[in-house]
């Protein structure tokens, strides 16, 4: 069985690569002191469970002028939550629902909110599928996704996850608020970061493919949000043009053929 790599371990590894490090959100392990420090620097932050996926255990937090903490996201069970609490220690109960029984739910990280929004104010991500073939890392494909506000995922929490009905589209569609030249430059930079990041993660957890999620900040700079070490490609099949999905499948076939000859 392959071991999992948590978000914190990823961050520690990726920060050691000078080029990749410039494209990471500020990240620390979660505690109340770090939360207040982040909220002094950023309008809002994300608190994420270290290992949970599929949009679960992600909370967007901001602080009101009156000092209350507004929490919006999903619990570790995946239930939507929207709450205001007056003290940071009350957030512990949300992160660790069984803490009164002496059970913690594991590590959480805290990250700056990079505010990756399209022209309609909808949060978006870009997923890049990176594959290793004949000793080289190649970009199998990428897609964009925006939050599905009509199913309850609002711009308030900013969670974009295809397991939570995010809408999949081409990268050019999700970046349609920028010029063609800007789109080309953004894609080129994302590809460079993705391949560099894949090499870093591969050094500690060798796989032949990774799914890497990016946002794009207000300055137009791509920001690496997370590396998925066991990526699904089902969302690529949701794009009307199946060319990208077929390319990833073809590369997987070539990888299998390569395995047979080695």
Protein backbone atom coordinates (compact mmCIF):
# COMPACT_ATOMS: atom_id res chain seq x y z
CA UNK A 1 0.00 0.00 0.00
CA UNK A 2 1.31 3.44 -0.96
CA UNK A 3 1.86 5.81 1.91
CA UNK A 4 -0.03 9.08 1.92
CA UNK A 5 1.67 12.45 1.94
CA UNK A 6 -0.07 15.14 3.94
CA UNK A 7 -0.38 18.78 2.99
CA UNK A 8 2.15 19.87 5.61
CA UNK A 9 4.82 17.41 4.46
CA UNK A 10 4.23 18.56 0.87
CA UNK A 11 4.67 22.17 1.87
CA UNK A 12 7.91 21.49 3.75
CA UNK A 13 9.33 19.64 0.73
CA UNK A 14 8.19 22.14 -1.89
CA UNK A 15 9.54 25.11 0.06
CA UNK A 16 13.03 23.65 -0.33
CA UNK A 17 12.87 24.23 -4.10
CA UNK A 18 13.62 27.94 -4.73
CA UNK A 19 11.53 28.24 -7.91
CA UNK A 20 8.50 26.34 -6.57
CA UNK A 21 8.71 28.11 -3.20
CA UNK A 22 7.97 31.45 -4.89
CA UNK A 23 4.59 30.04 -5.98
CA UNK A 24 3.32 28.66 -2.68
CA UNK A 25 0.79 30.31 -0.37
CA UNK A 26 2.08 31.15 3.09
CA UNK A 27 1.41 28.01 5.14
CA UNK A 28 1.86 27.02 8.78
CA UNK A 29 0.58 24.32 11.09
CA UNK A 30 -2.69 25.40 12.64
CA UNK A 31 -2.83 26.73 16.16
CA UNK A 32 -4.66 29.69 17.67
CA UNK A 33 -1.57 31.89 17.70
CA UNK A 34 -0.86 31.23 14.01
CA UNK A 35 -4.54 31.86 13.18
CA UNK A 36 -4.47 35.31 14.74
CA UNK A 37 -1.10 36.07 13.15
CA UNK A 38 -2.44 35.15 9.70
CA UNK A 39 -5.63 37.17 10.21
CA UNK A 40 -3.50 40.19 11.07
CA UNK A 41 -1.81 39.83 7.67
CA UNK A 42 -4.64 38.56 5.48
CA UNK A 43 -8.30 39.42 5.11
CA UNK A 44 -9.20 35.73 5.24
CA UNK A 45 -7.44 32.36 5.56
CA UNK A 46 -8.08 28.68 4.96
CA UNK A 47 -7.73 26.00 7.60
CA UNK A 48 -7.41 22.54 6.01
CA UNK A 49 -7.10 19.05 7.41
CA UNK A 50 -3.67 17.64 6.66
CA UNK A 51 -4.83 14.48 4.88
CA UNK A 52 -8.57 14.69 4.18
CA UNK A 53 -9.56 15.24 0.54
CA UNK A 54 -12.60 15.73 -1.70
CA UNK A 55 -13.38 19.15 -0.25
CA UNK A 56 -13.86 17.92 3.32
CA UNK A 57 -12.48 19.63 6.44
CA UNK A 58 -11.76 22.98 4.76
CA UNK A 59 -12.76 26.15 6.58
CA UNK A 60 -12.49 29.71 5.35
CA UNK A 61 -12.10 32.07 8.31
CA UNK A 62 -12.18 35.84 8.58
CA UNK A 63 -12.48 38.20 11.51
CA UNK A 64 -15.09 40.92 11.93
CA UNK A 65 -14.34 44.44 13.16
CA UNK A 66 -15.95 43.37 16.41
CA UNK A 67 -13.48 40.52 16.82
CA UNK A 68 -15.74 37.57 16.00
CA UNK A 69 -14.43 34.72 13.85
CA UNK A 70 -16.63 33.85 10.87
CA UNK A 71 -16.19 30.24 9.77
CA UNK A 72 -17.52 28.95 6.44
CA UNK A 73 -16.73 25.60 4.83
CA UNK A 74 -17.14 21.89 5.46
CA UNK A 75 -16.61 19.64 8.46
CA UNK A 76 -14.41 16.56 8.45
CA UNK A 77 -17.55 14.57 7.61
CA UNK A 78 -18.17 16.83 4.63
CA UNK A 79 -21.15 18.70 6.10
CA UNK A 80 -21.45 22.40 5.17
CA UNK A 81 -20.90 24.71 8.13
CA UNK A 82 -21.37 28.46 8.55
CA UNK A 83 -20.84 29.84 12.01
CA UNK A 84 -19.67 32.85 14.00
CA UNK A 85 -17.71 32.33 17.21
CA UNK A 86 -16.32 34.87 19.62
CA UNK A 87 -13.13 33.04 20.63
CA UNK A 88 -10.46 31.18 18.66
CA UNK A 89 -10.58 28.21 21.03
CA UNK A 90 -14.20 27.60 19.95
CA UNK A 91 -12.89 26.71 16.50
CA UNK A 92 -11.18 23.67 18.05
CA UNK A 93 -14.59 22.02 18.49
CA UNK A 94 -15.28 22.49 14.77
CA UNK A 95 -11.93 21.03 13.75
CA UNK A 96 -12.02 18.18 16.25
CA UNK A 97 -15.68 17.17 16.76
CA UNK A 98 -14.75 14.40 19.22
CA UNK A 99 -12.28 16.42 21.26
CA UNK A 100 -14.54 16.21 24.33
CA UNK A 101 -14.00 12.46 24.19
CA UNK A 102 -10.26 13.00 24.09
CA UNK A 103 -9.98 12.30 20.36
CA UNK A 104 -8.33 14.74 17.97
CA UNK A 105 -8.88 14.52 14.22
CA UNK A 106 -5.23 14.96 13.26
CA UNK A 107 -3.17 17.88 12.02
CA UNK A 108 -4.55 20.97 10.30
CA UNK A 109 -2.68 23.57 8.30
CA UNK A 110 -3.46 27.25 7.86
CA UNK A 111 -2.95 29.05 4.53
CA UNK A 112 -3.44 32.54 3.21
CA UNK A 113 -6.43 32.98 0.91
CA UNK A 114 -4.93 33.90 -2.45
CA UNK A 115 -8.32 35.05 -3.80
CA UNK A 116 -8.43 33.22 -7.12
CA UNK A 117 -11.63 34.56 -8.73
CA UNK A 118 -12.93 34.90 -12.29
CA UNK A 119 -14.69 37.95 -13.73
CA UNK A 120 -17.99 36.88 -12.13
CA UNK A 121 -16.45 36.67 -8.66
CA UNK A 122 -16.51 32.86 -8.69
CA UNK A 123 -13.58 31.01 -7.10
CA UNK A 124 -11.65 28.80 -9.51
CA UNK A 125 -8.82 26.32 -9.62
CA UNK A 126 -6.73 24.84 -12.42
CA UNK A 127 -5.91 21.13 -12.21
CA UNK A 128 -2.76 19.92 -13.98
CA UNK A 129 -2.14 16.23 -14.64
CA UNK A 130 1.59 15.52 -14.78
CA UNK A 131 2.90 12.14 -15.98
CA UNK A 132 6.32 10.51 -16.14
CA UNK A 133 7.10 8.79 -19.43
CA UNK A 134 10.47 7.43 -20.54
CA UNK A 135 12.23 9.30 -17.77
CA UNK A 136 10.68 12.67 -18.61
CA UNK A 137 7.84 14.55 -16.97
CA UNK A 138 5.11 15.66 -19.37
CA UNK A 139 1.88 17.59 -19.01
CA UNK A 140 -0.93 15.14 -19.73
CA UNK A 141 -3.51 17.89 -19.57
CA UNK A 142 -5.17 20.57 -17.50
CA UNK A 143 -8.66 21.85 -16.86
CA UNK A 144 -10.31 24.72 -15.01
CA UNK A 145 -13.11 24.43 -12.46
CA UNK A 146 -15.37 26.96 -10.77
CA UNK A 147 -17.56 26.60 -7.71
CA UNK A 148 -21.11 25.43 -8.35
CA UNK A 149 -23.04 28.14 -6.53
CA UNK A 150 -26.38 26.67 -7.48
CA UNK A 151 -25.73 23.59 -5.32
CA UNK A 152 -24.81 25.48 -2.19
CA UNK A 153 -21.09 26.04 -2.72
CA UNK A 154 -20.98 29.80 -2.54
CA UNK A 155 -18.32 32.36 -3.16
CA UNK A 156 -18.31 32.76 0.63
CA UNK A 157 -16.23 29.65 1.30
CA UNK A 158 -14.36 29.53 -2.01
CA UNK A 159 -14.12 25.72 -2.01
CA UNK A 160 -13.73 24.37 -5.54
CA UNK A 161 -13.80 20.59 -5.76
CA UNK A 162 -15.20 18.33 -8.46
CA UNK A 163 -16.45 15.94 -5.77
CA UNK A 164 -18.66 18.84 -4.65
CA UNK A 165 -20.18 19.56 -8.05
CA UNK A 166 -17.67 22.13 -9.23
CA UNK A 167 -18.15 22.92 -12.92
CA UNK A 168 -15.32 21.67 -15.15
CA UNK A 169 -14.26 23.69 -18.19
CA UNK A 170 -11.25 24.42 -20.35
CA UNK A 171 -8.44 26.55 -18.95
CA UNK A 172 -9.12 29.23 -21.58
CA UNK A 173 -12.72 29.44 -20.36
CA UNK A 174 -11.75 29.80 -16.70
CA UNK A 175 -9.17 32.46 -17.64
CA UNK A 176 -11.48 34.27 -20.07
CA UNK A 177 -11.19 37.45 -18.00
CA UNK A 178 -7.56 37.74 -19.16
CA UNK A 179 -6.09 38.35 -22.63
CA UNK A 180 -4.95 35.53 -24.90
CA UNK A 181 -1.35 36.56 -24.29
CA UNK A 182 -1.86 36.49 -20.51
CA UNK A 183 -3.52 33.07 -20.77
CA UNK A 184 -0.58 31.71 -22.73
CA UNK A 185 1.92 33.11 -20.20
CA UNK A 186 -0.11 31.76 -17.25
CA UNK A 187 -0.34 28.27 -18.75
CA UNK A 188 3.38 28.24 -19.54
CA UNK A 189 4.26 29.25 -15.96
CA UNK A 190 1.85 26.67 -14.49
CA UNK A 191 3.44 23.94 -16.61
CA UNK A 192 6.93 24.91 -15.41
CA UNK A 193 5.87 24.94 -11.75
CA UNK A 194 3.94 21.68 -12.07
CA UNK A 195 6.85 19.74 -13.53
CA UNK A 196 9.28 21.15 -10.98
CA UNK A 197 6.87 20.26 -8.16
CA UNK A 198 6.35 16.74 -9.52
CA UNK A 199 10.10 16.15 -9.43
CA UNK A 200 10.27 17.35 -5.81
CA UNK A 201 7.39 15.15 -4.62
CA UNK A 202 8.70 12.20 -6.65
CA UNK A 203 11.98 12.37 -4.72
CA UNK A 204 10.09 11.52 -1.52
CA UNK A 205 7.03 9.65 -2.82
CA UNK A 206 7.70 8.16 -6.27
CA UNK A 207 4.60 7.92 -8.47
CA UNK A 208 4.31 8.12 -12.21
CA UNK A 209 1.61 10.77 -12.18
CA UNK A 210 0.38 13.61 -9.98
CA UNK A 211 -2.61 15.94 -10.05
CA UNK A 212 -1.58 19.46 -9.07
CA UNK A 213 -4.05 22.21 -8.17
CA UNK A 214 -3.34 25.88 -8.83
CA UNK A 215 -5.01 29.19 -8.16
CA UNK A 216 -4.09 32.49 -9.77
CA UNK A 217 -3.79 35.50 -7.48
CA UNK A 218 -4.93 39.08 -8.16
CA UNK A 219 -1.53 39.89 -9.67
CA UNK A 220 -1.94 37.05 -12.19
CA UNK A 221 0.70 34.84 -10.55
CA UNK A 222 -0.02 31.08 -10.44
CA UNK A 223 -0.05 29.69 -6.88
CA UNK A 224 0.37 25.97 -6.19
CA UNK A 225 -2.35 24.88 -3.76
CA UNK A 226 -1.86 21.13 -3.45
CA UNK A 227 -0.32 18.03 -5.03
CA UNK A 228 -2.58 14.99 -5.30
CA UNK A 229 -0.48 11.82 -5.28
CA UNK A 230 -3.26 9.46 -6.45
CA UNK A 231 -5.12 11.64 -8.97
CA UNK A 232 -8.33 10.69 -10.73
CA UNK A 233 -8.84 11.68 -14.36
CA UNK A 234 -12.64 11.38 -14.38
CA UNK A 235 -13.12 15.15 -14.42
CA UNK A 236 -11.15 15.46 -17.67
CA UNK A 237 -13.90 13.40 -19.33
CA UNK A 238 -16.43 16.14 -18.41
CA UNK A 239 -14.87 18.54 -20.91
CA UNK A 240 -16.85 18.41 -24.19
CA UNK A 241 -13.68 17.99 -26.22
CA UNK A 242 -12.33 14.60 -25.07
CA UNK A 243 -8.91 15.25 -26.62
CA UNK A 244 -7.20 16.01 -23.28
CA UNK A 245 -8.73 12.97 -21.55
CA UNK A 246 -7.67 10.73 -24.46
CA UNK A 247 -4.09 12.05 -24.28
CA UNK A 248 -3.82 11.18 -20.58
CA UNK A 249 -5.20 7.68 -21.25
CA UNK A 250 -2.76 7.19 -24.14
CA UNK A 251 0.17 8.21 -21.93
CA UNK A 252 -1.03 5.74 -19.27
CA UNK A 253 -1.03 3.00 -21.93
CA UNK A 254 2.52 3.93 -22.94
CA UNK A 255 3.53 3.87 -19.26
CA UNK A 256 2.12 0.34 -18.98
CA UNK A 257 4.00 -0.75 -22.11
CA UNK A 258 7.17 0.77 -20.67
CA UNK A 259 6.64 -1.24 -17.45
CA UNK A 260 6.44 -4.47 -19.47
CA UNK A 261 9.77 -3.83 -21.19
CA UNK A 262 11.61 -2.90 -17.99
